[in-house]
């Protein structure tokens, strides 16, 4: 689960986008449930 989140963050960084934890939570709520 944590690895999936890290991969998402890495992808966002590669796309030069800034995403807060809240943004990631709303984008992928199933990861945190």
C-alpha atoms as a PDB file:
ATOM      1  CA  UNK A   1       0.000   0.000   0.000  1.00  0.00           C
ATOM      2  CA  UNK A   2       2.710   2.452   0.985  1.00  0.00           C
ATOM      3  CA  UNK A   3       4.741   1.512  -2.061  1.00  0.00           C
ATOM      4  CA  UNK A   4       1.763   2.338  -4.282  1.00  0.00           C
ATOM      5  CA  UNK A   5       1.495   5.771  -2.706  1.00  0.00           C
ATOM      6  CA  UNK A   6       5.205   6.384  -3.199  1.00  0.00           C
ATOM      7  CA  UNK A   7       4.921   5.384  -6.843  1.00  0.00           C
ATOM      8  CA  UNK A   8       2.062   7.834  -7.310  1.00  0.00           C
ATOM      9  CA  UNK A   9       4.067  10.607  -5.682  1.00  0.00           C
ATOM     10  CA  UNK A  10       7.068   9.788  -7.839  1.00  0.00           C
ATOM     11  CA  UNK A  11       4.917   9.943 -10.961  1.00  0.00           C
ATOM     12  CA  UNK A  12       3.519  13.313  -9.949  1.00  0.00           C
ATOM     13  CA  UNK A  13       7.010  14.653  -9.304  1.00  0.00           C
ATOM     14  CA  UNK A  14       8.154  13.451 -12.697  1.00  0.00           C
ATOM     15  CA  UNK A  15       5.259  15.342 -14.250  1.00  0.00           C
ATOM     16  CA  UNK A  16       6.350  18.449 -12.333  1.00  0.00           C
ATOM     17  CA  UNK A  17       3.071  18.610 -10.470  1.00  0.00           C
ATOM     18  CA  UNK A  18       2.611  19.395  -6.806  1.00  0.00           C
ATOM     19  CA  UNK A  19       0.170  17.223  -4.933  1.00  0.00           C
ATOM     20  CA  UNK A  20      -0.547  17.416  -1.261  1.00  0.00           C
ATOM     21  CA  UNK A  21      -1.530  14.412   0.816  1.00  0.00           C
ATOM     22  CA  UNK A  22      -5.127  15.604   0.619  1.00  0.00           C
ATOM     23  CA  UNK A  23      -5.020  15.670  -3.178  1.00  0.00           C
ATOM     24  CA  UNK A  24      -3.602  12.164  -3.296  1.00  0.00           C
ATOM     25  CA  UNK A  25      -6.253  11.011  -0.824  1.00  0.00           C
ATOM     26  CA  UNK A  26      -9.065  12.326  -2.996  1.00  0.00           C
ATOM     27  CA  UNK A  27      -7.485  10.944  -6.141  1.00  0.00           C
ATOM     28  CA  UNK A  28      -7.060   7.454  -4.672  1.00  0.00           C
ATOM     29  CA  UNK A  29      -9.348   7.052  -1.637  1.00  0.00           C
ATOM     30  CA  UNK A  30      -9.334   3.258  -1.878  1.00  0.00           C
ATOM     31  CA  UNK A  31      -5.648   3.148  -0.921  1.00  0.00           C
ATOM     32  CA  UNK A  32      -6.386   4.609   2.491  1.00  0.00           C
ATOM     33  CA  UNK A  33      -9.461   2.550   3.293  1.00  0.00           C
END
